Amino acid sequence: MKALAAVRKYEVPAATPEAIARAVRIFKALGDPPRLRLLTALAQGELCVSDIAGLDSDGLSTVSQRLRVLLAADLVSRRRDGQHILYGLADAHIAELISNALAHASEGLPKTKAKKRT
């Protein structure tokens, strides 16, 4: 019996131990619904901590803790603008990762009808 040759279907970067460890940190950081919601908000553009806190009515310390986790996983970046520190997605890969994850998660889900406003 002949051994079947593996058919390569997808281009995936080399799975070095370092890359695997970093990917695990990324997925752990993404594995919390409030952090994922925060990232989807940042995909629309940079926000300061107080703006982020206002999105879900969360406290500043809660938002700051979430941002620390996301910064440690290299998912967000920050920059100073005068007295404000603005947070945004680290790069386009993060936006693509979030978009792909949500698109995949939405597959097969029933379509929700938009509610009519009166």
N, C-alpha and C. Protein backbone atom coordinates (compact mmCIF):
# COMPACT_ATOMS: atom_id res chain seq x y z
N MET A 1 0.84 -1.17 0.00
CA MET A 1 0.00 0.00 0.00
C MET A 1 0.89 1.24 0.00
N LYS A 2 0.59 2.19 -0.88
CA LYS A 2 1.39 3.40 -0.98
C LYS A 2 0.98 4.40 0.10
N ALA A 3 1.96 5.10 0.60
CA ALA A 3 1.67 6.18 1.55
C ALA A 3 1.13 7.37 0.77
N LEU A 4 0.08 7.96 1.28
CA LEU A 4 -0.49 9.12 0.62
C LEU A 4 0.33 10.36 0.94
N ALA A 5 0.61 11.13 -0.09
CA ALA A 5 1.35 12.37 0.10
C ALA A 5 0.40 13.42 0.68
N ALA A 6 0.90 14.20 1.61
CA ALA A 6 0.10 15.27 2.20
C ALA A 6 -0.17 16.34 1.15
N VAL A 7 -1.40 16.75 1.04
CA VAL A 7 -1.78 17.81 0.12
C VAL A 7 -1.80 19.11 0.89
N ARG A 8 -1.00 20.03 0.43
CA ARG A 8 -0.90 21.33 1.12
C ARG A 8 -2.06 22.21 0.68
N LYS A 9 -2.88 22.59 1.62
CA LYS A 9 -4.06 23.38 1.30
C LYS A 9 -3.93 24.85 1.67
N TYR A 10 -3.19 25.15 2.71
CA TYR A 10 -3.14 26.52 3.22
C TYR A 10 -1.70 26.93 3.45
N GLU A 11 -1.43 28.21 3.23
CA GLU A 11 -0.12 28.78 3.54
C GLU A 11 -0.12 29.18 5.01
N VAL A 12 0.72 28.55 5.78
CA VAL A 12 0.84 28.87 7.20
C VAL A 12 2.31 29.07 7.51
N PRO A 13 2.65 30.16 8.22
CA PRO A 13 4.05 30.38 8.58
C PRO A 13 4.59 29.23 9.42
N ALA A 14 5.91 29.15 9.48
CA ALA A 14 6.57 28.10 10.27
C ALA A 14 6.10 28.17 11.73
N ALA A 15 5.84 27.01 12.29
CA ALA A 15 5.36 26.92 13.67
C ALA A 15 6.54 26.70 14.61
N THR A 16 7.35 27.74 14.77
CA THR A 16 8.47 27.64 15.70
C THR A 16 7.92 27.65 17.12
N PRO A 17 8.67 27.16 18.08
CA PRO A 17 8.19 27.21 19.47
C PRO A 17 7.87 28.63 19.93
N GLU A 18 8.67 29.60 19.49
CA GLU A 18 8.43 30.99 19.87
C GLU A 18 7.13 31.51 19.26
N ALA A 19 6.89 31.18 18.00
CA ALA A 19 5.66 31.62 17.33
C ALA A 19 4.43 30.98 17.97
N ILE A 20 4.54 29.70 18.31
CA ILE A 20 3.42 29.02 18.97
C ILE A 20 3.12 29.67 20.32
N ALA A 21 4.15 29.96 21.10
CA ALA A 21 3.97 30.58 22.42
C ALA A 21 3.30 31.95 22.28
N ARG A 22 3.74 32.72 21.29
CA ARG A 22 3.15 34.05 21.09
C ARG A 22 1.71 33.94 20.62
N ALA A 23 1.43 33.00 19.74
CA ALA A 23 0.05 32.79 19.27
C ALA A 23 -0.87 32.40 20.43
N VAL A 24 -0.36 31.58 21.33
CA VAL A 24 -1.16 31.18 22.50
C VAL A 24 -1.49 32.41 23.36
N ARG A 25 -0.51 33.29 23.58
CA ARG A 25 -0.76 34.52 24.34
C ARG A 25 -1.82 35.38 23.65
N ILE A 26 -1.75 35.45 22.33
CA ILE A 26 -2.72 36.24 21.58
C ILE A 26 -4.12 35.65 21.76
N PHE A 27 -4.25 34.33 21.57
CA PHE A 27 -5.58 33.72 21.69
C PHE A 27 -6.11 33.79 23.11
N LYS A 28 -5.24 33.70 24.10
CA LYS A 28 -5.71 33.86 25.49
C LYS A 28 -6.25 35.27 25.71
N ALA A 29 -5.56 36.27 25.17
CA ALA A 29 -6.01 37.66 25.32
C ALA A 29 -7.33 37.88 24.59
N LEU A 30 -7.51 37.22 23.45
CA LEU A 30 -8.74 37.35 22.68
C LEU A 30 -9.90 36.56 23.29
N GLY A 31 -9.60 35.66 24.20
CA GLY A 31 -10.59 34.74 24.75
C GLY A 31 -11.51 35.32 25.80
N ASP A 32 -11.51 36.61 25.98
CA ASP A 32 -12.37 37.27 26.96
C ASP A 32 -13.33 38.18 26.22
N PRO A 33 -14.66 37.96 26.32
CA PRO A 33 -15.61 38.77 25.55
C PRO A 33 -15.43 40.29 25.69
N PRO A 34 -15.25 40.84 26.90
CA PRO A 34 -15.07 42.30 26.98
C PRO A 34 -13.80 42.79 26.25
N ARG A 35 -12.73 42.00 26.31
CA ARG A 35 -11.51 42.41 25.58
C ARG A 35 -11.74 42.35 24.07
N LEU A 36 -12.45 41.33 23.62
CA LEU A 36 -12.73 41.22 22.18
C LEU A 36 -13.63 42.37 21.73
N ARG A 37 -14.63 42.72 22.53
CA ARG A 37 -15.47 43.88 22.20
C ARG A 37 -14.64 45.16 22.15
N LEU A 38 -13.70 45.29 23.08
CA LEU A 38 -12.82 46.46 23.09
C LEU A 38 -12.02 46.53 21.80
N LEU A 39 -11.49 45.39 21.36
CA LEU A 39 -10.71 45.37 20.12
C LEU A 39 -11.57 45.71 18.91
N THR A 40 -12.82 45.26 18.90
CA THR A 40 -13.69 45.60 17.77
C THR A 40 -13.95 47.11 17.73
N ALA A 41 -14.04 47.73 18.90
CA ALA A 41 -14.20 49.19 18.95
C ALA A 41 -12.94 49.88 18.43
N LEU A 42 -11.77 49.37 18.82
CA LEU A 42 -10.52 49.97 18.37
C LEU A 42 -10.28 49.76 16.88
N ALA A 43 -10.94 48.77 16.30
CA ALA A 43 -10.82 48.55 14.86
C ALA A 43 -11.43 49.72 14.08
N GLN A 44 -12.32 50.48 14.73
CA GLN A 44 -12.94 51.64 14.10
C GLN A 44 -12.05 52.88 14.19
N GLY A 45 -11.06 52.85 15.07
CA GLY A 45 -10.16 53.99 15.22
C GLY A 45 -9.66 54.11 16.64
N GLU A 46 -8.70 54.99 16.83
CA GLU A 46 -8.10 55.18 18.15
C GLU A 46 -9.11 55.77 19.14
N LEU A 47 -8.94 55.34 20.39
CA LEU A 47 -9.78 55.85 21.48
C LEU A 47 -8.94 56.05 22.72
N CYS A 48 -9.35 56.98 23.58
CA CYS A 48 -8.70 57.12 24.89
C CYS A 48 -9.45 56.26 25.90
N VAL A 49 -8.86 56.07 27.07
CA VAL A 49 -9.44 55.19 28.09
C VAL A 49 -10.85 55.63 28.47
N SER A 50 -11.06 56.92 28.63
CA SER A 50 -12.39 57.39 29.05
C SER A 50 -13.44 57.12 27.96
N ASP A 51 -13.07 57.24 26.69
CA ASP A 51 -14.00 56.92 25.61
C ASP A 51 -14.32 55.42 25.61
N ILE A 52 -13.31 54.59 25.83
CA ILE A 52 -13.52 53.14 25.87
C ILE A 52 -14.44 52.79 27.04
N ALA A 53 -14.20 53.42 28.19
CA ALA A 53 -15.02 53.14 29.38
C ALA A 53 -16.48 53.51 29.13
N GLY A 54 -16.71 54.54 28.35
CA GLY A 54 -18.07 54.97 28.07
C GLY A 54 -18.83 54.03 27.14
N LEU A 55 -18.12 53.21 26.38
CA LEU A 55 -18.78 52.30 25.44
C LEU A 55 -19.63 51.26 26.15
N ASP A 56 -19.10 50.67 27.21
CA ASP A 56 -19.80 49.61 27.94
C ASP A 56 -20.11 50.01 29.37
N SER A 57 -19.98 51.29 29.67
CA SER A 57 -20.20 51.79 31.04
C SER A 57 -19.30 51.08 32.05
N ASP A 58 -18.07 50.82 31.65
CA ASP A 58 -17.10 50.19 32.54
C ASP A 58 -16.28 51.26 33.25
N GLY A 59 -15.71 50.89 34.39
CA GLY A 59 -14.86 51.81 35.12
C GLY A 59 -13.50 51.96 34.45
N LEU A 60 -12.84 53.06 34.73
CA LEU A 60 -11.52 53.32 34.14
C LEU A 60 -10.51 52.25 34.53
N SER A 61 -10.57 51.77 35.78
CA SER A 61 -9.60 50.76 36.21
C SER A 61 -9.84 49.43 35.48
N THR A 62 -11.10 49.10 35.21
CA THR A 62 -11.42 47.87 34.48
C THR A 62 -10.89 47.95 33.05
N VAL A 63 -11.12 49.09 32.41
CA VAL A 63 -10.64 49.29 31.04
C VAL A 63 -9.12 49.28 31.01
N SER A 64 -8.50 49.92 31.97
CA SER A 64 -7.03 49.95 32.03
C SER A 64 -6.45 48.55 32.17
N GLN A 65 -7.08 47.72 32.98
CA GLN A 65 -6.62 46.34 33.15
C GLN A 65 -6.75 45.57 31.84
N ARG A 66 -7.86 45.73 31.16
CA ARG A 66 -8.03 45.05 29.86
C ARG A 66 -6.98 45.51 28.86
N LEU A 67 -6.71 46.82 28.85
CA LEU A 67 -5.70 47.34 27.94
C LEU A 67 -4.31 46.81 28.27
N ARG A 68 -4.01 46.63 29.55
CA ARG A 68 -2.71 46.06 29.94
C ARG A 68 -2.54 44.66 29.37
N VAL A 69 -3.58 43.86 29.45
CA VAL A 69 -3.52 42.49 28.90
C VAL A 69 -3.31 42.55 27.40
N LEU A 70 -4.05 43.41 26.72
CA LEU A 70 -3.95 43.51 25.26
C LEU A 70 -2.61 44.09 24.83
N LEU A 71 -2.06 45.01 25.60
CA LEU A 71 -0.73 45.54 25.30
C LEU A 71 0.34 44.45 25.48
N ALA A 72 0.22 43.67 26.54
CA ALA A 72 1.19 42.60 26.80
C ALA A 72 1.18 41.56 25.68
N ALA A 73 0.03 41.37 25.04
CA ALA A 73 -0.08 40.41 23.94
C ALA A 73 0.23 41.06 22.59
N ASP A 74 0.65 42.31 22.61
CA ASP A 74 0.96 43.07 21.38
C ASP A 74 -0.22 43.20 20.44
N LEU A 75 -1.43 43.30 21.00
CA LEU A 75 -2.62 43.45 20.18
C LEU A 75 -3.01 44.91 19.99
N VAL A 76 -2.60 45.76 20.92
CA VAL A 76 -2.89 47.19 20.81
C VAL A 76 -1.61 47.99 20.93
N SER A 77 -1.68 49.20 20.43
CA SER A 77 -0.58 50.14 20.57
C SER A 77 -1.13 51.39 21.25
N ARG A 78 -0.25 52.23 21.72
CA ARG A 78 -0.68 53.48 22.34
C ARG A 78 0.26 54.59 21.91
N ARG A 79 -0.31 55.78 21.90
CA ARG A 79 0.49 56.97 21.60
C ARG A 79 -0.08 58.15 22.36
N ARG A 80 0.80 59.07 22.66
CA ARG A 80 0.39 60.26 23.41
C ARG A 80 -0.03 61.35 22.43
N ASP A 81 -1.15 61.99 22.74
CA ASP A 81 -1.64 63.13 21.98
C ASP A 81 -1.97 64.22 22.99
N GLY A 82 -1.00 65.06 23.27
CA GLY A 82 -1.18 66.08 24.32
C GLY A 82 -1.28 65.40 25.67
N GLN A 83 -2.38 65.64 26.36
CA GLN A 83 -2.58 65.03 27.67
C GLN A 83 -3.26 63.66 27.60
N HIS A 84 -3.65 63.27 26.42
CA HIS A 84 -4.37 62.00 26.25
C HIS A 84 -3.45 60.91 25.71
N ILE A 85 -3.73 59.70 26.13
CA ILE A 85 -3.07 58.53 25.53
C ILE A 85 -4.13 57.82 24.72
N LEU A 86 -3.85 57.67 23.43
CA LEU A 86 -4.79 57.02 22.52
C LEU A 86 -4.36 55.59 22.26
N TYR A 87 -5.34 54.70 22.24
CA TYR A 87 -5.09 53.28 21.99
C TYR A 87 -5.70 52.91 20.65
N GLY A 88 -5.01 52.03 19.94
CA GLY A 88 -5.49 51.53 18.67
C GLY A 88 -4.98 50.11 18.46
N LEU A 89 -5.45 49.48 17.41
CA LEU A 89 -4.95 48.13 17.09
C LEU A 89 -3.48 48.22 16.72
N ALA A 90 -2.73 47.19 17.07
CA ALA A 90 -1.29 47.19 16.83
C ALA A 90 -0.96 47.24 15.35
N ASP A 91 -1.72 46.52 14.53
CA ASP A 91 -1.50 46.54 13.09
C ASP A 91 -2.68 45.90 12.36
N ALA A 92 -2.58 45.86 11.04
CA ALA A 92 -3.67 45.34 10.22
C ALA A 92 -3.91 43.85 10.46
N HIS A 93 -2.87 43.11 10.87
CA HIS A 93 -3.06 41.68 11.15
C HIS A 93 -4.10 41.46 12.24
N ILE A 94 -4.10 42.33 13.23
CA ILE A 94 -5.04 42.19 14.34
C ILE A 94 -6.47 42.42 13.84
N ALA A 95 -6.66 43.44 13.01
CA ALA A 95 -7.99 43.70 12.45
C ALA A 95 -8.45 42.50 11.62
N GLU A 96 -7.55 41.92 10.84
CA GLU A 96 -7.90 40.75 10.02
C GLU A 96 -8.22 39.55 10.89
N LEU A 97 -7.45 39.36 11.95
CA LEU A 97 -7.68 38.24 12.87
C LEU A 97 -9.07 38.35 13.51
N ILE A 98 -9.42 39.53 13.98
CA ILE A 98 -10.72 39.75 14.60
C ILE A 98 -11.83 39.56 13.58
N SER A 99 -11.65 40.15 12.41
CA SER A 99 -12.66 40.03 11.36
C SER A 99 -12.87 38.57 10.96
N ASN A 100 -11.78 37.84 10.77
CA ASN A 100 -11.89 36.42 10.40
C ASN A 100 -12.54 35.59 11.50
N ALA A 101 -12.16 35.85 12.73
CA ALA A 101 -12.74 35.10 13.85
C ALA A 101 -14.24 35.34 13.95
N LEU A 102 -14.67 36.59 13.84
CA LEU A 102 -16.09 36.90 13.94
C LEU A 102 -16.86 36.38 12.73
N ALA A 103 -16.26 36.45 11.54
CA ALA A 103 -16.92 35.91 10.34
C ALA A 103 -17.08 34.41 10.48
N HIS A 104 -16.05 33.73 10.94
CA HIS A 104 -16.13 32.28 11.10
C HIS A 104 -17.15 31.91 12.17
N ALA A 105 -17.16 32.66 13.26
CA ALA A 105 -18.09 32.39 14.35
C ALA A 105 -19.53 32.64 13.92
N SER A 106 -19.74 33.52 12.96
CA SER A 106 -21.08 33.85 12.50
C SER A 106 -21.63 32.87 11.47
N GLU A 107 -20.76 32.04 10.90
CA GLU A 107 -21.20 31.08 9.89
C GLU A 107 -22.24 30.13 10.48
N GLY A 108 -23.32 29.97 9.78
CA GLY A 108 -24.35 29.05 10.21
C GLY A 108 -25.29 29.59 11.27
N LEU A 109 -25.02 30.78 11.78
CA LEU A 109 -25.94 31.37 12.75
C LEU A 109 -27.14 31.94 12.02
N PRO A 110 -28.31 31.90 12.65
CA PRO A 110 -29.48 32.49 11.99
C PRO A 110 -29.29 33.98 11.80
N LYS A 111 -29.77 34.47 10.70
CA LYS A 111 -29.69 35.91 10.42
C LYS A 111 -30.65 36.63 11.36
N THR A 112 -30.17 37.72 11.95
CA THR A 112 -31.04 38.50 12.82
C THR A 112 -31.68 39.61 12.00
N LYS A 113 -32.94 39.84 12.24
CA LYS A 113 -33.65 40.89 11.53
C LYS A 113 -33.43 42.21 12.25
N ALA A 114 -33.20 43.24 11.46
CA ALA A 114 -33.04 44.56 12.05
C ALA A 114 -34.38 45.03 12.61
N LYS A 115 -34.35 45.56 13.81
CA LYS A 115 -35.57 46.05 14.43
C LYS A 115 -35.96 47.38 13.80
N LYS A 116 -37.25 47.53 13.53
CA LYS A 116 -37.74 48.78 12.99
C LYS A 116 -37.83 49.82 14.09
N ARG A 117 -37.37 51.01 13.78
CA ARG A 117 -37.48 52.12 14.74
C ARG A 117 -38.72 52.90 14.42
N THR A 118 -39.44 53.24 15.44
CA THR A 118 -40.66 54.03 15.22
C THR A 118 -40.51 55.42 15.74
